[in-house]
Amino acid sequence: MSTITSGAQVPGSASRLFTRIPTDESLPRWRAWLAGHPIGGSLLAGAVATQFATVFGIWFRGFGLPTLNWPVVNGQLIIPTASPGVQYFAGWISHFADGVFFALLFALLFHPLVPLRNTLLGNLLKALLYGTVLAVISAGWWVPAVYIPHHAGFLSTGLGWKLVFGIFLWHWIYGYFLGTVYCPQPKAPKEPADQALASAPKAETIPSAVTPAGSGSV
């Protein structure tokens, strides 16, 4: 009589499941390209991060948070007397350019200064920290001084905690996608010059033949 156990597992199924989780060996060609092309890689990452964060900001209403439609806000500031369509178009260009160039500043100025190794987690933490810095600037200065010019309290808390949380959440979403796309490989450690010379293969010397005494030609 044969017995069938329902709890039997296919050999290797668990290992295949865990191999799907990204590791530091994931996407080696892409990460190597980013390490050598920080400008192009950061501009692409900034475009992706800005697009996703902008869409999520518009969807915030579904989570019970105020809608953060930054293209509309920027358009109202740039050309306040234009039609809503023209305002949105101008605001979208300005907002998208800001997101891309902030990503460039992240790659060239902020990313190299954070003392974290360029692992997948390290790159993500750098980008989330960068997003937090941008959120502090936005909530502490841009919103209360430019968009709503009046005293709104520390980090715009006078406008309600939901708006403050939404500002930080928006920039964390931006940082998340920025850090997942812009994830360069760690730089190879430089070998000291004396150690490099010591580890270099030594040239093989061939001893010259010794002519026995008295065997020379006459």
N, C-alpha and C. Protein backbone atom coordinates (compact mmCIF):
# COMPACT_ATOMS: atom_id res chain seq x y z
N MET A 1 0.86 -1.18 0.00
CA MET A 1 0.00 0.00 0.00
C MET A 1 0.90 1.23 0.00
N SER A 2 0.61 2.13 -0.86
CA SER A 2 1.41 3.36 -0.93
C SER A 2 0.71 4.46 -0.16
N THR A 3 1.48 5.26 0.51
CA THR A 3 0.95 6.39 1.28
C THR A 3 1.41 7.67 0.63
N ILE A 4 0.54 8.67 0.62
CA ILE A 4 0.84 9.97 0.02
C ILE A 4 0.78 11.01 1.13
N THR A 5 1.83 11.71 1.32
CA THR A 5 1.86 12.76 2.34
C THR A 5 1.60 14.10 1.68
N SER A 6 0.59 14.79 2.20
CA SER A 6 0.23 16.10 1.62
C SER A 6 1.25 17.17 1.91
N GLY A 7 2.08 16.98 2.92
CA GLY A 7 3.05 18.02 3.28
C GLY A 7 4.37 17.89 2.56
N ALA A 8 4.44 16.97 1.58
CA ALA A 8 5.71 16.79 0.87
C ALA A 8 6.03 18.03 0.06
N GLN A 9 7.29 18.39 0.02
CA GLN A 9 7.74 19.55 -0.72
C GLN A 9 8.66 19.11 -1.85
N VAL A 10 8.58 19.85 -2.93
CA VAL A 10 9.46 19.58 -4.06
C VAL A 10 10.86 20.01 -3.67
N PRO A 11 11.86 19.15 -3.85
CA PRO A 11 13.23 19.52 -3.46
C PRO A 11 13.67 20.78 -4.19
N GLY A 12 14.21 21.69 -3.42
CA GLY A 12 14.73 22.92 -4.01
C GLY A 12 13.71 24.02 -4.17
N SER A 13 12.42 23.76 -3.83
CA SER A 13 11.40 24.80 -4.00
C SER A 13 11.63 25.96 -3.06
N ALA A 14 12.05 25.65 -1.81
CA ALA A 14 12.29 26.73 -0.85
C ALA A 14 13.49 27.57 -1.27
N SER A 15 14.52 26.90 -1.79
CA SER A 15 15.70 27.66 -2.22
C SER A 15 15.38 28.55 -3.39
N ARG A 16 14.52 28.06 -4.32
CA ARG A 16 14.14 28.91 -5.46
C ARG A 16 13.35 30.11 -5.00
N LEU A 17 12.55 29.94 -3.94
CA LEU A 17 11.78 31.07 -3.42
C LEU A 17 12.70 32.15 -2.87
N PHE A 18 13.70 31.73 -2.11
CA PHE A 18 14.57 32.73 -1.49
C PHE A 18 15.54 33.35 -2.49
N THR A 19 15.82 32.67 -3.59
CA THR A 19 16.70 33.27 -4.59
C THR A 19 16.03 34.40 -5.32
N ARG A 20 14.71 34.51 -5.22
CA ARG A 20 14.02 35.61 -5.87
C ARG A 20 14.17 36.91 -5.10
N ILE A 21 14.57 36.85 -3.84
CA ILE A 21 14.77 38.06 -3.05
C ILE A 21 16.05 38.73 -3.51
N PRO A 22 16.01 40.05 -3.84
CA PRO A 22 17.23 40.71 -4.33
C PRO A 22 18.34 40.67 -3.30
N THR A 23 19.53 40.39 -3.76
CA THR A 23 20.71 40.39 -2.92
C THR A 23 21.72 41.37 -3.51
N ASP A 24 22.87 41.50 -2.85
CA ASP A 24 23.89 42.41 -3.34
C ASP A 24 24.51 41.94 -4.64
N GLU A 25 24.23 40.70 -5.04
CA GLU A 25 24.73 40.20 -6.32
C GLU A 25 23.70 40.40 -7.44
N SER A 26 22.56 41.03 -7.13
CA SER A 26 21.53 41.23 -8.14
C SER A 26 21.95 42.33 -9.12
N LEU A 27 21.54 42.16 -10.36
CA LEU A 27 21.76 43.15 -11.42
C LEU A 27 23.22 43.61 -11.47
N PRO A 28 24.16 42.73 -11.61
CA PRO A 28 25.56 43.17 -11.57
C PRO A 28 25.94 44.11 -12.70
N ARG A 29 25.42 43.88 -13.91
CA ARG A 29 25.78 44.74 -15.04
C ARG A 29 25.20 46.14 -14.86
N TRP A 30 23.96 46.22 -14.39
CA TRP A 30 23.34 47.52 -14.18
C TRP A 30 24.05 48.30 -13.09
N ARG A 31 24.38 47.64 -11.99
CA ARG A 31 25.03 48.32 -10.89
C ARG A 31 26.45 48.72 -11.24
N ALA A 32 27.13 47.90 -12.04
CA ALA A 32 28.47 48.27 -12.50
C ALA A 32 28.40 49.46 -13.44
N TRP A 33 27.38 49.51 -14.28
CA TRP A 33 27.22 50.67 -15.18
C TRP A 33 26.95 51.94 -14.38
N LEU A 34 26.14 51.85 -13.34
CA LEU A 34 25.85 53.01 -12.50
C LEU A 34 27.11 53.53 -11.81
N ALA A 35 27.98 52.61 -11.38
CA ALA A 35 29.20 53.02 -10.71
C ALA A 35 30.09 53.83 -11.62
N GLY A 36 30.05 53.55 -12.93
CA GLY A 36 30.86 54.30 -13.88
C GLY A 36 30.16 55.44 -14.56
N HIS A 37 28.83 55.54 -14.41
CA HIS A 37 28.05 56.59 -15.06
C HIS A 37 27.05 57.19 -14.06
N PRO A 38 27.53 57.91 -13.05
CA PRO A 38 26.61 58.43 -12.03
C PRO A 38 25.66 59.51 -12.57
N ILE A 39 26.09 60.26 -13.57
CA ILE A 39 25.23 61.34 -14.08
C ILE A 39 24.04 60.75 -14.84
N GLY A 40 24.32 59.92 -15.83
CA GLY A 40 23.23 59.31 -16.58
C GLY A 40 22.34 58.45 -15.72
N GLY A 41 22.93 57.67 -14.82
CA GLY A 41 22.13 56.81 -13.95
C GLY A 41 21.24 57.58 -13.00
N SER A 42 21.76 58.68 -12.45
CA SER A 42 20.95 59.46 -11.51
C SER A 42 19.82 60.21 -12.23
N LEU A 43 20.07 60.67 -13.45
CA LEU A 43 19.01 61.34 -14.19
C LEU A 43 17.87 60.38 -14.50
N LEU A 44 18.21 59.16 -14.88
CA LEU A 44 17.17 58.16 -15.12
C LEU A 44 16.44 57.81 -13.84
N ALA A 45 17.19 57.62 -12.74
CA ALA A 45 16.56 57.30 -11.46
C ALA A 45 15.66 58.44 -10.99
N GLY A 46 16.10 59.68 -11.22
CA GLY A 46 15.28 60.82 -10.83
C GLY A 46 13.98 60.89 -11.60
N ALA A 47 14.01 60.54 -12.89
CA ALA A 47 12.78 60.52 -13.68
C ALA A 47 11.81 59.48 -13.16
N VAL A 48 12.32 58.29 -12.86
CA VAL A 48 11.46 57.22 -12.34
C VAL A 48 10.89 57.60 -10.98
N ALA A 49 11.75 58.10 -10.08
CA ALA A 49 11.31 58.44 -8.73
C ALA A 49 10.30 59.58 -8.74
N THR A 50 10.53 60.59 -9.58
CA THR A 50 9.59 61.72 -9.63
C THR A 50 8.23 61.29 -10.16
N GLN A 51 8.22 60.44 -11.18
CA GLN A 51 6.96 59.99 -11.75
C GLN A 51 6.14 59.21 -10.73
N PHE A 52 6.76 58.25 -10.07
CA PHE A 52 6.02 57.43 -9.10
C PHE A 52 5.57 58.26 -7.90
N ALA A 53 6.44 59.11 -7.38
CA ALA A 53 6.06 59.91 -6.21
C ALA A 53 4.94 60.88 -6.56
N THR A 54 4.97 61.45 -7.76
CA THR A 54 3.91 62.38 -8.18
C THR A 54 2.57 61.68 -8.25
N VAL A 55 2.55 60.49 -8.81
CA VAL A 55 1.29 59.74 -8.92
C VAL A 55 0.77 59.37 -7.53
N PHE A 56 1.66 58.92 -6.65
CA PHE A 56 1.22 58.57 -5.29
C PHE A 56 0.69 59.80 -4.56
N GLY A 57 1.33 60.97 -4.78
CA GLY A 57 0.84 62.18 -4.13
C GLY A 57 -0.58 62.53 -4.54
N ILE A 58 -0.91 62.28 -5.80
CA ILE A 58 -2.28 62.52 -6.27
C ILE A 58 -3.24 61.50 -5.68
N TRP A 59 -2.73 60.29 -5.41
CA TRP A 59 -3.57 59.23 -4.84
C TRP A 59 -3.70 59.32 -3.32
N PHE A 60 -3.04 60.25 -2.69
CA PHE A 60 -3.08 60.32 -1.23
C PHE A 60 -4.51 60.44 -0.69
N ARG A 61 -5.40 60.99 -1.47
CA ARG A 61 -6.78 61.14 -1.00
C ARG A 61 -7.39 59.78 -0.64
N GLY A 62 -6.99 58.76 -1.36
CA GLY A 62 -7.51 57.42 -1.08
C GLY A 62 -7.00 56.85 0.23
N PHE A 63 -5.95 57.43 0.79
CA PHE A 63 -5.41 56.98 2.08
C PHE A 63 -5.81 57.91 3.22
N GLY A 64 -6.71 58.85 2.94
CA GLY A 64 -7.14 59.77 3.99
C GLY A 64 -6.19 60.92 4.23
N LEU A 65 -5.28 61.18 3.29
CA LEU A 65 -4.32 62.27 3.42
C LEU A 65 -4.64 63.35 2.40
N PRO A 66 -4.18 64.57 2.63
CA PRO A 66 -4.40 65.63 1.64
C PRO A 66 -3.70 65.30 0.32
N THR A 67 -4.34 65.64 -0.78
CA THR A 67 -3.73 65.43 -2.09
C THR A 67 -2.56 66.38 -2.27
N LEU A 68 -1.43 65.83 -2.68
CA LEU A 68 -0.24 66.64 -2.96
C LEU A 68 0.02 66.60 -4.46
N ASN A 69 -0.62 67.52 -5.15
CA ASN A 69 -0.47 67.62 -6.60
C ASN A 69 0.53 68.74 -6.89
N TRP A 70 1.82 68.40 -6.80
CA TRP A 70 2.85 69.43 -6.94
C TRP A 70 2.87 70.10 -8.30
N PRO A 71 2.56 69.42 -9.43
CA PRO A 71 2.51 70.16 -10.69
C PRO A 71 1.50 71.31 -10.68
N VAL A 72 0.34 71.10 -10.08
CA VAL A 72 -0.65 72.17 -10.00
C VAL A 72 -0.13 73.32 -9.14
N VAL A 73 0.49 72.99 -8.02
CA VAL A 73 1.00 74.01 -7.12
C VAL A 73 2.10 74.84 -7.81
N ASN A 74 3.02 74.16 -8.47
CA ASN A 74 4.10 74.87 -9.16
C ASN A 74 3.55 75.74 -10.27
N GLY A 75 2.57 75.25 -11.00
CA GLY A 75 1.98 76.04 -12.08
C GLY A 75 1.29 77.30 -11.57
N GLN A 76 0.62 77.20 -10.43
CA GLN A 76 -0.02 78.38 -9.85
C GLN A 76 1.01 79.41 -9.41
N LEU A 77 2.17 78.96 -8.99
CA LEU A 77 3.22 79.89 -8.58
C LEU A 77 3.92 80.52 -9.77
N ILE A 78 4.10 79.76 -10.85
CA ILE A 78 4.85 80.26 -12.00
C ILE A 78 4.03 81.24 -12.81
N ILE A 79 2.85 80.86 -13.18
CA ILE A 79 1.97 81.74 -13.99
C ILE A 79 0.58 81.76 -13.34
N PRO A 80 0.41 82.58 -12.31
CA PRO A 80 -0.86 82.55 -11.56
C PRO A 80 -2.07 83.02 -12.35
N THR A 81 -1.88 83.77 -13.44
CA THR A 81 -3.02 84.30 -14.19
C THR A 81 -3.39 83.44 -15.39
N ALA A 82 -2.68 82.36 -15.64
CA ALA A 82 -2.96 81.51 -16.81
C ALA A 82 -4.12 80.56 -16.52
N SER A 83 -4.57 79.90 -17.56
CA SER A 83 -5.65 78.93 -17.40
C SER A 83 -5.15 77.71 -16.65
N PRO A 84 -6.06 76.92 -16.06
CA PRO A 84 -5.62 75.73 -15.31
C PRO A 84 -4.81 74.76 -16.15
N GLY A 85 -5.17 74.60 -17.42
CA GLY A 85 -4.42 73.68 -18.27
C GLY A 85 -2.99 74.15 -18.51
N VAL A 86 -2.83 75.43 -18.77
CA VAL A 86 -1.49 75.98 -18.99
C VAL A 86 -0.69 75.93 -17.69
N GLN A 87 -1.34 76.21 -16.58
CA GLN A 87 -0.66 76.14 -15.28
C GLN A 87 -0.16 74.72 -15.01
N TYR A 88 -0.99 73.75 -15.30
CA TYR A 88 -0.59 72.38 -15.02
C TYR A 88 0.59 71.96 -15.90
N PHE A 89 0.54 72.33 -17.18
CA PHE A 89 1.62 71.96 -18.08
C PHE A 89 2.94 72.59 -17.65
N ALA A 90 2.90 73.89 -17.33
CA ALA A 90 4.12 74.56 -16.88
C ALA A 90 4.59 74.01 -15.54
N GLY A 91 3.65 73.76 -14.65
CA GLY A 91 4.01 73.21 -13.35
C GLY A 91 4.57 71.80 -13.45
N TRP A 92 4.04 71.00 -14.38
CA TRP A 92 4.55 69.64 -14.54
C TRP A 92 5.99 69.66 -15.04
N ILE A 93 6.30 70.52 -15.99
CA ILE A 93 7.68 70.62 -16.49
C ILE A 93 8.62 71.05 -15.37
N SER A 94 8.21 72.07 -14.62
CA SER A 94 9.05 72.57 -13.53
C SER A 94 9.24 71.50 -12.46
N HIS A 95 8.17 70.85 -12.07
CA HIS A 95 8.23 69.84 -11.02
C HIS A 95 9.08 68.64 -11.45
N PHE A 96 8.90 68.19 -12.69
CA PHE A 96 9.65 67.04 -13.17
C PHE A 96 11.14 67.36 -13.28
N ALA A 97 11.44 68.56 -13.76
CA ALA A 97 12.85 68.96 -13.85
C ALA A 97 13.47 69.05 -12.46
N ASP A 98 12.73 69.57 -11.49
CA ASP A 98 13.24 69.63 -10.12
C ASP A 98 13.58 68.24 -9.59
N GLY A 99 12.68 67.29 -9.80
CA GLY A 99 12.92 65.94 -9.30
C GLY A 99 14.14 65.29 -9.93
N VAL A 100 14.34 65.52 -11.24
CA VAL A 100 15.47 64.92 -11.93
C VAL A 100 16.78 65.55 -11.47
N PHE A 101 16.81 66.87 -11.35
CA PHE A 101 18.06 67.53 -10.98
C PHE A 101 18.37 67.35 -9.49
N PHE A 102 17.36 67.18 -8.66
CA PHE A 102 17.64 66.83 -7.26
C PHE A 102 18.27 65.44 -7.18
N ALA A 103 17.87 64.54 -8.07
CA ALA A 103 18.51 63.22 -8.12
C ALA A 103 19.97 63.33 -8.55
N LEU A 104 20.26 64.25 -9.47
CA LEU A 104 21.64 64.47 -9.88
C LEU A 104 22.48 64.99 -8.71
N LEU A 105 21.92 65.92 -7.95
CA LEU A 105 22.64 66.41 -6.76
C LEU A 105 22.85 65.29 -5.74
N PHE A 106 21.88 64.39 -5.65
CA PHE A 106 22.02 63.26 -4.74
C PHE A 106 23.21 62.39 -5.13
N ALA A 107 23.35 62.09 -6.41
CA ALA A 107 24.41 61.20 -6.86
C ALA A 107 25.79 61.85 -6.76
N LEU A 108 25.88 63.13 -7.02
CA LEU A 108 27.18 63.79 -7.08
C LEU A 108 27.64 64.35 -5.74
N LEU A 109 26.70 64.80 -4.90
CA LEU A 109 27.07 65.49 -3.67
C LEU A 109 26.70 64.73 -2.40
N PHE A 110 25.49 64.19 -2.36
CA PHE A 110 25.01 63.58 -1.11
C PHE A 110 25.45 62.13 -0.98
N HIS A 111 25.26 61.36 -2.00
CA HIS A 111 25.54 59.92 -1.96
C HIS A 111 26.98 59.60 -1.56
N PRO A 112 27.99 60.28 -2.14
CA PRO A 112 29.37 59.93 -1.77
C PRO A 112 29.75 60.30 -0.35
N LEU A 113 29.01 61.23 0.28
CA LEU A 113 29.39 61.71 1.60
C LEU A 113 28.79 60.89 2.74
N VAL A 114 27.78 60.11 2.47
CA VAL A 114 27.16 59.30 3.52
C VAL A 114 28.02 58.06 3.76
N PRO A 115 28.48 57.85 4.99
CA PRO A 115 29.42 56.74 5.26
C PRO A 115 28.73 55.39 5.35
N LEU A 116 28.08 54.99 4.27
CA LEU A 116 27.47 53.67 4.19
C LEU A 116 27.98 52.99 2.93
N ARG A 117 28.22 51.69 3.03
CA ARG A 117 28.71 50.94 1.88
C ARG A 117 27.60 50.83 0.83
N ASN A 118 27.98 50.78 -0.42
CA ASN A 118 27.01 50.79 -1.51
C ASN A 118 26.40 49.41 -1.75
N THR A 119 25.86 48.82 -0.71
CA THR A 119 25.05 47.63 -0.88
C THR A 119 23.64 48.06 -1.30
N LEU A 120 22.77 47.10 -1.59
CA LEU A 120 21.40 47.47 -1.93
C LEU A 120 20.73 48.21 -0.78
N LEU A 121 20.94 47.71 0.45
CA LEU A 121 20.37 48.37 1.61
C LEU A 121 21.04 49.71 1.87
N GLY A 122 22.35 49.78 1.71
CA GLY A 122 23.05 51.04 1.93
C GLY A 122 22.61 52.12 0.97
N ASN A 123 22.45 51.78 -0.31
CA ASN A 123 21.97 52.76 -1.29
C ASN A 123 20.55 53.22 -0.96
N LEU A 124 19.72 52.29 -0.52
CA LEU A 124 18.34 52.64 -0.19
C LEU A 124 18.29 53.57 1.03
N LEU A 125 19.10 53.29 2.05
CA LEU A 125 19.12 54.14 3.24
C LEU A 125 19.63 55.54 2.90
N LYS A 126 20.62 55.62 2.02
CA LYS A 126 21.11 56.94 1.60
C LYS A 126 20.00 57.74 0.93
N ALA A 127 19.24 57.10 0.06
CA ALA A 127 18.18 57.80 -0.66
C ALA A 127 17.03 58.19 0.28
N LEU A 128 16.69 57.32 1.23
CA LEU A 128 15.64 57.67 2.19
C LEU A 128 16.07 58.82 3.08
N LEU A 129 17.34 58.84 3.47
CA LEU A 129 17.86 59.97 4.24
C LEU A 129 17.82 61.25 3.43
N TYR A 130 18.15 61.16 2.16
CA TYR A 130 18.08 62.32 1.27
C TYR A 130 16.63 62.81 1.14
N GLY A 131 15.69 61.88 0.99
CA GLY A 131 14.29 62.26 0.94
C GLY A 131 13.83 62.94 2.22
N THR A 132 14.35 62.49 3.36
CA THR A 132 14.00 63.14 4.63
C THR A 132 14.51 64.57 4.68
N VAL A 133 15.73 64.79 4.17
CA VAL A 133 16.27 66.16 4.13
C VAL A 133 15.40 67.05 3.25
N LEU A 134 14.99 66.54 2.08
CA LEU A 134 14.13 67.33 1.19
C LEU A 134 12.77 67.58 1.83
N ALA A 135 12.25 66.62 2.59
CA ALA A 135 10.96 66.81 3.26
C ALA A 135 11.05 67.89 4.33
N VAL A 136 12.16 67.91 5.07
CA VAL A 136 12.34 68.96 6.07
C VAL A 136 12.38 70.33 5.41
N ILE A 137 13.08 70.43 4.28
CA ILE A 137 13.14 71.72 3.57
C ILE A 137 11.76 72.11 3.06
N SER A 138 11.02 71.13 2.54
CA SER A 138 9.69 71.42 2.00
C SER A 138 8.72 71.85 3.09
N ALA A 139 8.66 71.07 4.18
CA ALA A 139 7.72 71.39 5.26
C ALA A 139 8.18 72.57 6.10
N GLY A 140 9.49 72.76 6.21
CA GLY A 140 9.99 73.84 7.06
C GLY A 140 10.10 75.18 6.38
N TRP A 141 10.25 75.17 5.05
CA TRP A 141 10.42 76.47 4.36
C TRP A 141 9.52 76.63 3.14
N TRP A 142 9.51 75.65 2.22
CA TRP A 142 8.86 75.87 0.94
C TRP A 142 7.35 76.05 1.09
N VAL A 143 6.70 75.16 1.80
CA VAL A 143 5.24 75.24 1.92
C VAL A 143 4.80 76.49 2.71
N PRO A 144 5.35 76.75 3.90
CA PRO A 144 4.86 77.91 4.65
C PRO A 144 5.37 79.25 4.14
N ALA A 145 6.50 79.27 3.43
CA ALA A 145 7.07 80.55 2.99
C ALA A 145 6.76 80.88 1.55
N VAL A 146 6.56 79.88 0.71
CA VAL A 146 6.36 80.13 -0.72
C VAL A 146 4.93 79.83 -1.14
N TYR A 147 4.47 78.61 -0.86
CA TYR A 147 3.14 78.24 -1.33
C TYR A 147 2.03 78.86 -0.48
N ILE A 148 2.16 78.78 0.83
CA ILE A 148 1.16 79.37 1.73
C ILE A 148 1.91 80.37 2.62
N PRO A 149 2.15 81.57 2.12
CA PRO A 149 3.03 82.51 2.85
C PRO A 149 2.41 83.06 4.14
N HIS A 150 2.49 82.26 5.18
CA HIS A 150 2.12 82.75 6.51
C HIS A 150 2.78 81.81 7.53
N HIS A 151 2.82 82.23 8.75
CA HIS A 151 3.47 81.43 9.78
C HIS A 151 2.62 80.19 10.06
N ALA A 152 3.18 79.03 9.75
CA ALA A 152 2.44 77.78 9.90
C ALA A 152 3.01 76.91 11.00
N GLY A 153 3.90 77.44 11.83
CA GLY A 153 4.48 76.65 12.90
C GLY A 153 5.66 75.82 12.43
N PHE A 154 6.23 75.12 13.36
CA PHE A 154 7.41 74.30 13.07
C PHE A 154 7.05 73.18 12.10
N LEU A 155 7.75 73.12 10.97
CA LEU A 155 7.53 72.11 9.93
C LEU A 155 6.08 72.09 9.45
N SER A 156 5.45 73.26 9.40
CA SER A 156 4.08 73.41 8.90
C SER A 156 3.06 72.66 9.74
N THR A 157 3.36 72.44 11.02
CA THR A 157 2.42 71.70 11.86
C THR A 157 1.12 72.46 12.07
N GLY A 158 1.15 73.78 11.88
CA GLY A 158 -0.08 74.55 12.01
C GLY A 158 -1.09 74.25 10.91
N LEU A 159 -0.66 73.60 9.85
CA LEU A 159 -1.56 73.24 8.75
C LEU A 159 -2.17 71.86 8.94
N GLY A 160 -1.85 71.20 10.05
CA GLY A 160 -2.41 69.88 10.32
C GLY A 160 -1.38 68.78 10.15
N TRP A 161 -1.45 67.77 11.00
CA TRP A 161 -0.46 66.70 10.98
C TRP A 161 -0.54 65.86 9.72
N LYS A 162 -1.74 65.77 9.13
CA LYS A 162 -1.88 64.96 7.93
C LYS A 162 -1.08 65.56 6.76
N LEU A 163 -1.09 66.88 6.66
CA LEU A 163 -0.31 67.51 5.60
C LEU A 163 1.18 67.30 5.83
N VAL A 164 1.62 67.45 7.08
CA VAL A 164 3.04 67.25 7.39
C VAL A 164 3.45 65.81 7.10
N PHE A 165 2.64 64.85 7.53
CA PHE A 165 2.95 63.45 7.26
C PHE A 165 2.94 63.16 5.77
N GLY A 166 2.00 63.77 5.05
CA GLY A 166 1.95 63.58 3.61
C GLY A 166 3.19 64.10 2.91
N ILE A 167 3.70 65.25 3.36
CA ILE A 167 4.93 65.80 2.77
C ILE A 167 6.09 64.84 2.98
N PHE A 168 6.23 64.33 4.20
CA PHE A 168 7.33 63.40 4.47
C PHE A 168 7.13 62.08 3.71
N LEU A 169 5.90 61.57 3.67
CA LEU A 169 5.64 60.32 2.96
C LEU A 169 5.94 60.47 1.48
N TRP A 170 5.57 61.61 0.90
CA TRP A 170 5.84 61.84 -0.52
C TRP A 170 7.34 61.77 -0.80
N HIS A 171 8.12 62.42 0.02
CA HIS A 171 9.57 62.43 -0.21
C HIS A 171 10.21 61.09 0.14
N TRP A 172 9.63 60.32 1.04
CA TRP A 172 10.14 58.97 1.29
C TRP A 172 9.86 58.06 0.10
N ILE A 173 8.71 58.23 -0.53
CA ILE A 173 8.42 57.46 -1.75
C ILE A 173 9.41 57.84 -2.84
N TYR A 174 9.68 59.12 -2.98
CA TYR A 174 10.69 59.58 -3.94
C TYR A 174 12.05 58.96 -3.62
N GLY A 175 12.43 58.98 -2.36
CA GLY A 175 13.71 58.40 -1.97
C GLY A 175 13.76 56.90 -2.18
N TYR A 176 12.65 56.22 -1.95
CA TYR A 176 12.63 54.77 -2.13
C TYR A 176 12.93 54.39 -3.58
N PHE A 177 12.22 55.00 -4.51
CA PHE A 177 12.44 54.67 -5.91
C PHE A 177 13.78 55.20 -6.41
N LEU A 178 14.24 56.31 -5.86
CA LEU A 178 15.56 56.81 -6.22
C LEU A 178 16.65 55.82 -5.80
N GLY A 179 16.52 55.29 -4.59
CA GLY A 179 17.53 54.37 -4.08
C GLY A 179 17.47 52.99 -4.68
N THR A 180 16.31 52.56 -5.15
CA THR A 180 16.21 51.24 -5.77
C THR A 180 16.70 51.25 -7.21
N VAL A 181 16.59 52.39 -7.88
CA VAL A 181 17.09 52.48 -9.27
C VAL A 181 18.56 52.87 -9.28
N TYR A 182 18.91 53.88 -8.49
CA TYR A 182 20.32 54.29 -8.43
C TYR A 182 20.99 53.52 -7.30
N CYS A 183 21.55 52.36 -7.64
CA CYS A 183 22.16 51.48 -6.64
C CYS A 183 23.52 51.00 -7.15
N PRO A 184 24.51 51.88 -7.24
CA PRO A 184 25.82 51.48 -7.78
C PRO A 184 26.51 50.46 -6.89
N GLN A 185 27.41 49.71 -7.52
CA GLN A 185 28.19 48.74 -6.78
C GLN A 185 29.22 49.43 -5.89
N PRO A 186 29.65 48.76 -4.82
CA PRO A 186 30.73 49.33 -4.01
C PRO A 186 32.01 49.44 -4.83
N LYS A 187 32.78 50.46 -4.53
CA LYS A 187 34.06 50.62 -5.19
C LYS A 187 35.04 49.60 -4.66
N ALA A 188 35.84 49.07 -5.56
CA ALA A 188 36.84 48.10 -5.14
C ALA A 188 37.90 48.80 -4.30
N PRO A 189 38.29 48.19 -3.16
CA PRO A 189 39.31 48.84 -2.31
C PRO A 189 40.63 48.96 -3.04
N LYS A 190 41.27 50.11 -2.88
CA LYS A 190 42.55 50.36 -3.52
C LYS A 190 43.66 49.66 -2.75
N GLU A 191 44.51 48.97 -3.48
CA GLU A 191 45.62 48.25 -2.86
C GLU A 191 46.81 49.19 -2.70
N PRO A 192 47.42 49.25 -1.52
CA PRO A 192 48.59 50.11 -1.35
C PRO A 192 49.68 49.78 -2.35
N ALA A 193 50.48 50.82 -2.71
CA ALA A 193 51.48 50.64 -3.74
C ALA A 193 52.53 49.60 -3.33
N ASP A 194 52.98 49.67 -2.06
CA ASP A 194 54.00 48.72 -1.64
C ASP A 194 53.47 47.29 -1.61
N GLN A 195 52.19 47.15 -1.24
CA GLN A 195 51.59 45.81 -1.23
C GLN A 195 51.40 45.30 -2.65
N ALA A 196 51.07 46.22 -3.57
CA ALA A 196 50.89 45.81 -4.95
C ALA A 196 52.22 45.34 -5.53
N LEU A 197 53.30 46.04 -5.19
CA LEU A 197 54.60 45.62 -5.68
C LEU A 197 55.02 44.29 -5.07
N ALA A 198 54.68 44.10 -3.79
CA ALA A 198 55.06 42.86 -3.13
C ALA A 198 54.30 41.67 -3.70
N SER A 199 53.03 41.90 -4.10
CA SER A 199 52.22 40.80 -4.62
C SER A 199 52.42 40.57 -6.10
N ALA A 200 53.17 41.47 -6.77
CA ALA A 200 53.39 41.29 -8.20
C ALA A 200 54.29 40.09 -8.43
N PRO A 201 54.03 39.32 -9.49
CA PRO A 201 54.87 38.14 -9.75
C PRO A 201 56.29 38.56 -10.10
N LYS A 202 57.23 37.87 -9.48
CA LYS A 202 58.63 38.18 -9.72
C LYS A 202 59.09 37.56 -11.03
N ALA A 203 59.95 38.32 -11.72
CA ALA A 203 60.47 37.82 -12.98
C ALA A 203 61.40 36.63 -12.74
N GLU A 204 61.23 35.61 -13.51
CA GLU A 204 62.05 34.41 -13.37
C GLU A 204 63.42 34.64 -13.99
N THR A 205 64.44 34.37 -13.23
CA THR A 205 65.80 34.55 -13.72
C THR A 205 66.39 33.20 -14.08
N ILE A 206 66.99 33.14 -15.27
CA ILE A 206 67.59 31.90 -15.75
C ILE A 206 69.10 32.01 -15.55
N PRO A 207 69.68 31.16 -14.72
CA PRO A 207 71.13 31.26 -14.50
C PRO A 207 71.91 30.98 -15.77
N SER A 208 72.95 31.77 -15.96
CA SER A 208 73.77 31.60 -17.16
C SER A 208 74.63 30.33 -17.03
N ALA A 209 74.86 29.72 -18.16
CA ALA A 209 75.62 28.47 -18.15
C ALA A 209 77.07 28.74 -17.78
N VAL A 210 77.61 27.93 -16.92
CA VAL A 210 79.01 28.06 -16.48
C VAL A 210 79.87 27.18 -17.34
N THR A 211 80.86 27.77 -17.96
CA THR A 211 81.75 27.00 -18.84
C THR A 211 82.84 26.37 -17.99
N PRO A 212 83.01 25.05 -18.06
CA PRO A 212 84.03 24.38 -17.26
C PRO A 212 85.41 24.85 -17.66
N ALA A 213 86.30 24.87 -16.68
CA ALA A 213 87.66 25.33 -16.94
C ALA A 213 88.37 24.41 -17.92
N GLY A 214 89.05 25.03 -18.88
CA GLY A 214 89.82 24.27 -19.86
C GLY A 214 89.02 23.75 -21.03
N SER A 215 87.71 24.03 -21.07
CA SER A 215 86.89 23.53 -22.16
C SER A 215 86.67 24.55 -23.26
N GLY A 216 87.38 25.67 -23.17
CA GLY A 216 87.18 26.70 -24.19
C GLY A 216 87.82 26.29 -25.49
N SER A 217 87.37 26.90 -26.55
CA SER A 217 87.92 26.58 -27.89
C SER A 217 89.27 27.23 -28.05
N VAL A 218 90.13 26.60 -28.86
CA VAL A 218 91.49 27.11 -29.09
C VAL A 218 91.43 28.09 -30.24
